[in-house]
Structures are given as C-alpha cells and as structure tokens.
Amino acid sequence: QVQLVESGGGLVQAGGSLRLSCAASGRTFSMYDMGWFRQAPGKEREFVAAIRPSGASTKYADSVKGRFTISRDNAKNTVYLHLNSLKPEDTAVYHCAARLSDWYLSPRANEYDSWGQGTQVTVSS
C-alpha cells in the first residue's frame, strides 16, 4: 500500500478552476493506477477520474468529461486533478486512491486499496 495526501481544495465561484494534488509515499508509485473520487454530503462516493501508471490511458466520469483532467508525475510521486468550469454540483470532498495496476482501469471504489483523507472543494453559485 501507499500513503496518500491530498491538497489544493478550496472555495471557488462557479466557472472557476482548481488544481488538486495527491502526493504518494513509497518508491513504487509507478506501479499503481491512480484514481480520484468524490463524496458530497448525503451521497455515495462516486468515481471522477483514473489514470494508468504511464499516464497514457485515462478514464473519466461522464459528469466531468471535458472539464476535468487527470495527470501524474511519477518522478514526483504525485497525481493531479485539474478542475475547470466548476459547477455548484461539483462541491464535495475529493479523495485520491491507488491500486496496483491490473489489466483494466477501474472506476470502482472498492477495487482501490489505499485512500487519502480528502480535500474539500466548494463551488459557490
């Protein structure tokens, strides 16, 4: 497992942008698929985006496709989530997660082994 620490959340107006970062411990970061999930009050945790170790393959939830971009820097053991054109419905705690890379890029939270504590994103209308 890896330890994950998110940062970069905050309060932003609708239409604004943020960049979330997730720093991972350990020397095997490049072996992990990385995902971002979010959880709004009273709602279940939902998939946002995921990325393969090489960064060559990504996956997005339909609700964020075209607005959010996931990327990673394996030299820095860090994965990023760029949030653009933010909407009030994007308000949630955003968590990064890691799983040893497998044959497919999973959007399922229960298939990720390591989780960060989360960072709050609040979008005002």
N, C-alpha and C. Protein backbone atom coordinates (compact mmCIF):
# COMPACT_ATOMS: atom_id res chain seq x y z
N GLN A 1 0.83 -1.20 0.00
CA GLN A 1 0.00 0.00 0.00
C GLN A 1 0.86 1.24 0.00
N VAL A 2 0.25 2.34 -0.42
CA VAL A 2 0.93 3.62 -0.38
C VAL A 2 0.12 4.56 0.50
N GLN A 3 0.79 5.56 1.03
CA GLN A 3 0.10 6.59 1.79
C GLN A 3 -0.11 7.79 0.88
N LEU A 4 -1.30 8.37 0.98
CA LEU A 4 -1.71 9.42 0.05
C LEU A 4 -2.15 10.65 0.82
N VAL A 5 -1.72 11.83 0.36
CA VAL A 5 -2.11 13.09 0.99
C VAL A 5 -2.54 14.06 -0.10
N GLU A 6 -3.81 14.48 -0.02
CA GLU A 6 -4.35 15.42 -0.99
C GLU A 6 -4.18 16.86 -0.53
N SER A 7 -4.15 17.77 -1.50
CA SER A 7 -4.11 19.19 -1.20
C SER A 7 -4.70 19.94 -2.40
N GLY A 8 -4.97 21.23 -2.18
CA GLY A 8 -5.40 22.08 -3.29
C GLY A 8 -6.87 22.42 -3.32
N GLY A 9 -7.64 21.86 -2.40
CA GLY A 9 -9.05 22.19 -2.39
C GLY A 9 -9.28 23.62 -1.91
N GLY A 10 -10.54 24.06 -2.00
CA GLY A 10 -10.87 25.40 -1.52
C GLY A 10 -12.23 25.83 -2.00
N LEU A 11 -12.51 27.12 -1.81
CA LEU A 11 -13.76 27.73 -2.21
C LEU A 11 -13.54 28.49 -3.52
N VAL A 12 -14.39 28.24 -4.50
CA VAL A 12 -14.25 28.88 -5.80
C VAL A 12 -15.64 29.18 -6.35
N GLN A 13 -15.73 30.23 -7.14
CA GLN A 13 -17.00 30.56 -7.76
C GLN A 13 -17.27 29.66 -8.96
N ALA A 14 -18.53 29.50 -9.27
CA ALA A 14 -18.90 28.72 -10.45
C ALA A 14 -18.19 29.27 -11.68
N GLY A 15 -17.70 28.36 -12.50
CA GLY A 15 -16.93 28.73 -13.67
C GLY A 15 -15.44 28.81 -13.43
N GLY A 16 -15.05 28.75 -12.16
CA GLY A 16 -13.64 28.85 -11.82
C GLY A 16 -12.90 27.53 -11.95
N SER A 17 -11.64 27.55 -11.52
CA SER A 17 -10.76 26.39 -11.67
C SER A 17 -9.99 26.13 -10.38
N LEU A 18 -9.59 24.88 -10.22
CA LEU A 18 -8.72 24.47 -9.13
C LEU A 18 -7.80 23.36 -9.65
N ARG A 19 -6.68 23.18 -8.98
CA ARG A 19 -5.84 22.03 -9.23
C ARG A 19 -5.62 21.28 -7.92
N LEU A 20 -6.06 20.05 -7.88
CA LEU A 20 -5.84 19.19 -6.74
C LEU A 20 -4.57 18.37 -6.96
N SER A 21 -3.85 18.15 -5.85
CA SER A 21 -2.66 17.32 -5.90
C SER A 21 -2.80 16.18 -4.90
N CYS A 22 -2.17 15.08 -5.22
CA CYS A 22 -2.15 13.93 -4.32
C CYS A 22 -0.73 13.39 -4.31
N ALA A 23 -0.07 13.54 -3.17
CA ALA A 23 1.31 13.08 -3.02
C ALA A 23 1.32 11.69 -2.41
N ALA A 24 2.07 10.79 -3.01
CA ALA A 24 2.13 9.41 -2.56
C ALA A 24 3.50 9.10 -1.97
N SER A 25 3.50 8.28 -0.94
CA SER A 25 4.76 7.82 -0.35
C SER A 25 5.20 6.54 -1.05
N GLY A 26 6.46 6.17 -0.85
CA GLY A 26 6.92 4.90 -1.39
C GLY A 26 7.62 5.04 -2.74
N ARG A 27 8.36 4.01 -3.10
CA ARG A 27 9.15 4.06 -4.33
C ARG A 27 8.48 3.33 -5.48
N THR A 28 7.26 2.82 -5.26
CA THR A 28 6.61 2.02 -6.29
C THR A 28 5.40 2.72 -6.88
N PHE A 29 5.39 4.04 -6.79
CA PHE A 29 4.25 4.81 -7.29
C PHE A 29 3.95 4.47 -8.74
N SER A 30 4.97 4.25 -9.52
CA SER A 30 4.79 3.99 -10.95
C SER A 30 4.16 2.64 -11.25
N MET A 31 3.89 1.84 -10.22
CA MET A 31 3.22 0.55 -10.41
C MET A 31 1.71 0.66 -10.19
N TYR A 32 1.24 1.84 -9.78
CA TYR A 32 -0.15 1.99 -9.36
C TYR A 32 -1.00 2.76 -10.36
N ASP A 33 -2.21 2.23 -10.58
CA ASP A 33 -3.27 3.05 -11.16
C ASP A 33 -3.70 4.03 -10.07
N MET A 34 -3.98 5.25 -10.47
CA MET A 34 -4.42 6.26 -9.52
C MET A 34 -5.81 6.77 -9.91
N GLY A 35 -6.64 6.97 -8.90
CA GLY A 35 -7.99 7.44 -9.16
C GLY A 35 -8.35 8.62 -8.28
N TRP A 36 -9.31 9.39 -8.74
CA TRP A 36 -9.93 10.44 -7.94
C TRP A 36 -11.42 10.09 -7.80
N PHE A 37 -11.90 10.23 -6.58
CA PHE A 37 -13.30 10.02 -6.26
C PHE A 37 -13.78 11.22 -5.47
N ARG A 38 -15.09 11.40 -5.40
CA ARG A 38 -15.62 12.49 -4.61
C ARG A 38 -16.87 12.04 -3.88
N GLN A 39 -17.13 12.72 -2.75
CA GLN A 39 -18.31 12.40 -1.96
C GLN A 39 -18.93 13.69 -1.45
N ALA A 40 -20.16 13.92 -1.87
CA ALA A 40 -20.92 15.08 -1.41
C ALA A 40 -21.74 14.67 -0.20
N PRO A 41 -22.13 15.64 0.65
CA PRO A 41 -22.92 15.31 1.84
C PRO A 41 -24.19 14.55 1.48
N GLY A 42 -24.42 13.44 2.16
CA GLY A 42 -25.62 12.66 1.94
C GLY A 42 -25.61 11.80 0.70
N LYS A 43 -24.48 11.78 0.00
CA LYS A 43 -24.41 10.99 -1.24
C LYS A 43 -23.29 9.96 -1.13
N GLU A 44 -23.38 8.96 -1.99
CA GLU A 44 -22.35 7.94 -2.03
C GLU A 44 -21.10 8.47 -2.74
N ARG A 45 -19.98 7.83 -2.42
CA ARG A 45 -18.74 8.18 -3.09
C ARG A 45 -18.86 7.83 -4.57
N GLU A 46 -18.42 8.74 -5.43
CA GLU A 46 -18.53 8.49 -6.86
C GLU A 46 -17.19 8.68 -7.56
N PHE A 47 -17.02 7.93 -8.61
CA PHE A 47 -15.82 7.98 -9.42
C PHE A 47 -15.76 9.30 -10.19
N VAL A 48 -14.54 9.84 -10.27
CA VAL A 48 -14.31 11.07 -11.04
C VAL A 48 -13.39 10.78 -12.22
N ALA A 49 -12.19 10.24 -11.94
CA ALA A 49 -11.21 10.03 -13.00
C ALA A 49 -10.17 9.02 -12.53
N ALA A 50 -9.49 8.40 -13.49
CA ALA A 50 -8.41 7.47 -13.17
C ALA A 50 -7.36 7.52 -14.26
N ILE A 51 -6.14 7.08 -13.90
CA ILE A 51 -5.03 7.16 -14.84
C ILE A 51 -4.11 5.97 -14.64
N ARG A 52 -3.58 5.47 -15.75
CA ARG A 52 -2.65 4.35 -15.73
C ARG A 52 -1.27 4.80 -15.27
N PRO A 53 -0.40 3.89 -14.89
CA PRO A 53 0.94 4.29 -14.44
C PRO A 53 1.72 5.12 -15.45
N SER A 54 1.60 4.81 -16.71
CA SER A 54 2.33 5.56 -17.73
C SER A 54 1.69 6.90 -18.04
N GLY A 55 0.44 7.07 -17.63
CA GLY A 55 -0.30 8.27 -17.98
C GLY A 55 -0.91 8.23 -19.36
N ALA A 56 -0.67 7.16 -20.09
CA ALA A 56 -1.13 7.08 -21.48
C ALA A 56 -2.63 6.82 -21.59
N SER A 57 -3.21 6.26 -20.55
CA SER A 57 -4.63 5.93 -20.58
C SER A 57 -5.33 6.56 -19.39
N THR A 58 -6.47 7.18 -19.65
CA THR A 58 -7.26 7.81 -18.60
C THR A 58 -8.73 7.44 -18.79
N LYS A 59 -9.48 7.65 -17.72
CA LYS A 59 -10.91 7.41 -17.76
C LYS A 59 -11.59 8.49 -16.93
N TYR A 60 -12.77 8.93 -17.38
CA TYR A 60 -13.50 9.99 -16.69
C TYR A 60 -14.96 9.63 -16.53
N ALA A 61 -15.55 10.14 -15.44
CA ALA A 61 -17.00 10.08 -15.31
C ALA A 61 -17.61 11.02 -16.33
N ASP A 62 -18.79 10.65 -16.82
CA ASP A 62 -19.46 11.49 -17.83
C ASP A 62 -19.71 12.90 -17.31
N SER A 63 -19.95 13.02 -16.01
CA SER A 63 -20.30 14.32 -15.43
C SER A 63 -19.14 15.31 -15.44
N VAL A 64 -17.90 14.83 -15.61
CA VAL A 64 -16.75 15.73 -15.57
C VAL A 64 -15.97 15.73 -16.88
N LYS A 65 -16.35 14.86 -17.80
CA LYS A 65 -15.62 14.74 -19.06
C LYS A 65 -15.62 16.08 -19.80
N GLY A 66 -14.45 16.50 -20.24
CA GLY A 66 -14.30 17.78 -20.93
C GLY A 66 -14.05 18.95 -20.00
N ARG A 67 -14.23 18.76 -18.70
CA ARG A 67 -13.99 19.84 -17.73
C ARG A 67 -12.81 19.53 -16.80
N PHE A 68 -12.66 18.27 -16.44
CA PHE A 68 -11.59 17.85 -15.53
C PHE A 68 -10.52 17.09 -16.31
N THR A 69 -9.27 17.21 -15.85
CA THR A 69 -8.17 16.48 -16.46
C THR A 69 -7.31 15.86 -15.37
N ILE A 70 -7.06 14.57 -15.48
CA ILE A 70 -6.17 13.88 -14.55
C ILE A 70 -4.80 13.73 -15.20
N SER A 71 -3.75 13.91 -14.40
CA SER A 71 -2.40 13.74 -14.90
C SER A 71 -1.53 13.26 -13.74
N ARG A 72 -0.31 12.84 -14.04
CA ARG A 72 0.58 12.38 -12.99
C ARG A 72 2.02 12.69 -13.36
N ASP A 73 2.83 12.81 -12.31
CA ASP A 73 4.27 13.00 -12.46
C ASP A 73 4.94 11.93 -11.61
N ASN A 74 5.37 10.86 -12.25
CA ASN A 74 5.93 9.73 -11.49
C ASN A 74 7.25 10.10 -10.80
N ALA A 75 7.96 11.06 -11.33
CA ALA A 75 9.21 11.49 -10.68
C ALA A 75 8.94 12.19 -9.36
N LYS A 76 7.75 12.76 -9.24
CA LYS A 76 7.37 13.46 -8.01
C LYS A 76 6.38 12.66 -7.18
N ASN A 77 6.06 11.45 -7.61
CA ASN A 77 5.08 10.63 -6.88
C ASN A 77 3.78 11.38 -6.64
N THR A 78 3.31 12.07 -7.65
CA THR A 78 2.15 12.94 -7.48
C THR A 78 1.17 12.75 -8.65
N VAL A 79 -0.11 12.73 -8.29
CA VAL A 79 -1.17 12.74 -9.29
C VAL A 79 -1.97 14.02 -9.11
N TYR A 80 -2.44 14.56 -10.21
CA TYR A 80 -3.16 15.83 -10.19
C TYR A 80 -4.56 15.67 -10.77
N LEU A 81 -5.43 16.55 -10.33
CA LEU A 81 -6.74 16.66 -10.95
C LEU A 81 -6.99 18.14 -11.21
N HIS A 82 -7.06 18.50 -12.49
CA HIS A 82 -7.33 19.87 -12.89
C HIS A 82 -8.84 20.00 -13.08
N LEU A 83 -9.44 20.92 -12.32
CA LEU A 83 -10.88 21.11 -12.35
C LEU A 83 -11.17 22.46 -13.01
N ASN A 84 -11.83 22.44 -14.15
CA ASN A 84 -12.19 23.65 -14.86
C ASN A 84 -13.71 23.74 -15.01
N SER A 85 -14.18 24.95 -15.29
CA SER A 85 -15.61 25.19 -15.49
C SER A 85 -16.42 24.57 -14.35
N LEU A 86 -16.01 24.86 -13.15
CA LEU A 86 -16.63 24.24 -11.98
C LEU A 86 -18.08 24.66 -11.81
N LYS A 87 -18.88 23.72 -11.32
CA LYS A 87 -20.30 23.92 -11.09
C LYS A 87 -20.60 23.68 -9.61
N PRO A 88 -21.67 24.27 -9.09
CA PRO A 88 -22.02 24.01 -7.68
C PRO A 88 -22.16 22.52 -7.38
N GLU A 89 -22.62 21.75 -8.33
CA GLU A 89 -22.78 20.30 -8.11
C GLU A 89 -21.46 19.55 -8.03
N ASP A 90 -20.35 20.23 -8.29
CA ASP A 90 -19.03 19.62 -8.10
C ASP A 90 -18.57 19.70 -6.65
N THR A 91 -19.33 20.41 -5.82
CA THR A 91 -18.97 20.53 -4.41
C THR A 91 -18.95 19.16 -3.73
N ALA A 92 -17.82 18.83 -3.11
CA ALA A 92 -17.65 17.52 -2.49
C ALA A 92 -16.28 17.46 -1.83
N VAL A 93 -16.06 16.41 -1.07
CA VAL A 93 -14.71 16.07 -0.62
C VAL A 93 -14.11 15.16 -1.69
N TYR A 94 -12.95 15.54 -2.17
CA TYR A 94 -12.28 14.80 -3.23
C TYR A 94 -11.16 13.95 -2.62
N HIS A 95 -11.19 12.66 -2.93
CA HIS A 95 -10.21 11.71 -2.43
C HIS A 95 -9.41 11.12 -3.59
N CYS A 96 -8.11 10.95 -3.37
CA CYS A 96 -7.36 10.16 -4.33
C CYS A 96 -7.20 8.74 -3.79
N ALA A 97 -6.98 7.82 -4.70
CA ALA A 97 -6.90 6.41 -4.34
C ALA A 97 -5.91 5.70 -5.26
N ALA A 98 -5.37 4.59 -4.77
CA ALA A 98 -4.37 3.85 -5.54
C ALA A 98 -4.69 2.35 -5.53
N ARG A 99 -4.38 1.71 -6.65
CA ARG A 99 -4.47 0.25 -6.72
C ARG A 99 -3.36 -0.24 -7.63
N LEU A 100 -2.79 -1.37 -7.31
CA LEU A 100 -1.76 -1.94 -8.18
C LEU A 100 -2.35 -2.13 -9.57
N SER A 101 -1.62 -1.70 -10.56
CA SER A 101 -2.13 -1.72 -11.92
C SER A 101 -2.50 -3.12 -12.35
N ASP A 102 -3.66 -3.23 -12.94
CA ASP A 102 -4.20 -4.51 -13.39
C ASP A 102 -4.51 -4.38 -14.88
N TRP A 103 -5.26 -5.34 -15.41
CA TRP A 103 -5.48 -5.37 -16.85
C TRP A 103 -6.47 -4.32 -17.33
N TYR A 104 -7.20 -3.69 -16.39
CA TYR A 104 -8.11 -2.64 -16.82
C TYR A 104 -8.09 -1.50 -15.80
N LEU A 105 -8.51 -0.33 -16.24
CA LEU A 105 -8.53 0.88 -15.41
C LEU A 105 -9.90 0.96 -14.74
N SER A 106 -9.90 0.75 -13.42
CA SER A 106 -11.16 0.58 -12.72
C SER A 106 -11.78 1.89 -12.26
N PRO A 107 -13.11 2.04 -12.42
CA PRO A 107 -13.85 3.16 -11.83
C PRO A 107 -14.52 2.79 -10.50
N ARG A 108 -14.25 1.60 -9.98
CA ARG A 108 -14.94 1.08 -8.79
C ARG A 108 -14.13 1.36 -7.53
N ALA A 109 -14.73 2.08 -6.61
CA ALA A 109 -14.03 2.47 -5.38
C ALA A 109 -13.56 1.25 -4.59
N ASN A 110 -14.34 0.19 -4.59
CA ASN A 110 -13.97 -0.97 -3.77
C ASN A 110 -12.81 -1.76 -4.34
N GLU A 111 -12.31 -1.37 -5.49
CA GLU A 111 -11.15 -2.03 -6.07
C GLU A 111 -9.86 -1.25 -5.83
N TYR A 112 -9.94 -0.16 -5.10
CA TYR A 112 -8.76 0.62 -4.75
C TYR A 112 -8.38 0.31 -3.31
N ASP A 113 -7.08 0.17 -3.07
CA ASP A 113 -6.59 -0.32 -1.78
C ASP A 113 -6.19 0.78 -0.82
N SER A 114 -5.70 1.88 -1.34
CA SER A 114 -5.18 2.96 -0.50
C SER A 114 -5.95 4.24 -0.79
N TRP A 115 -6.22 4.99 0.28
CA TRP A 115 -7.03 6.20 0.15
C TRP A 115 -6.39 7.34 0.95
N GLY A 116 -6.55 8.54 0.42
CA GLY A 116 -6.19 9.72 1.19
C GLY A 116 -7.36 10.21 2.01
N GLN A 117 -7.09 11.20 2.85
CA GLN A 117 -8.12 11.73 3.75
C GLN A 117 -9.10 12.65 3.03
N GLY A 118 -8.69 13.19 1.91
CA GLY A 118 -9.60 14.02 1.15
C GLY A 118 -9.32 15.51 1.29
N THR A 119 -9.78 16.27 0.30
CA THR A 119 -9.68 17.72 0.33
C THR A 119 -11.02 18.29 -0.15
N GLN A 120 -11.49 19.31 0.57
CA GLN A 120 -12.82 19.86 0.30
C GLN A 120 -12.77 20.83 -0.88
N VAL A 121 -13.70 20.64 -1.81
CA VAL A 121 -13.92 21.58 -2.90
C VAL A 121 -15.34 22.12 -2.77
N THR A 122 -15.45 23.44 -2.67
CA THR A 122 -16.76 24.08 -2.55
C THR A 122 -16.91 25.09 -3.69
N VAL A 123 -17.97 24.93 -4.46
CA VAL A 123 -18.22 25.81 -5.60
C VAL A 123 -19.47 26.62 -5.31
N SER A 124 -19.33 27.93 -5.26
CA SER A 124 -20.47 28.80 -4.99
C SER A 124 -21.11 29.27 -6.29
N SER A 125 -22.41 29.47 -6.22
CA SER A 125 -23.14 29.88 -7.43
C SER A 125 -23.16 31.39 -7.57
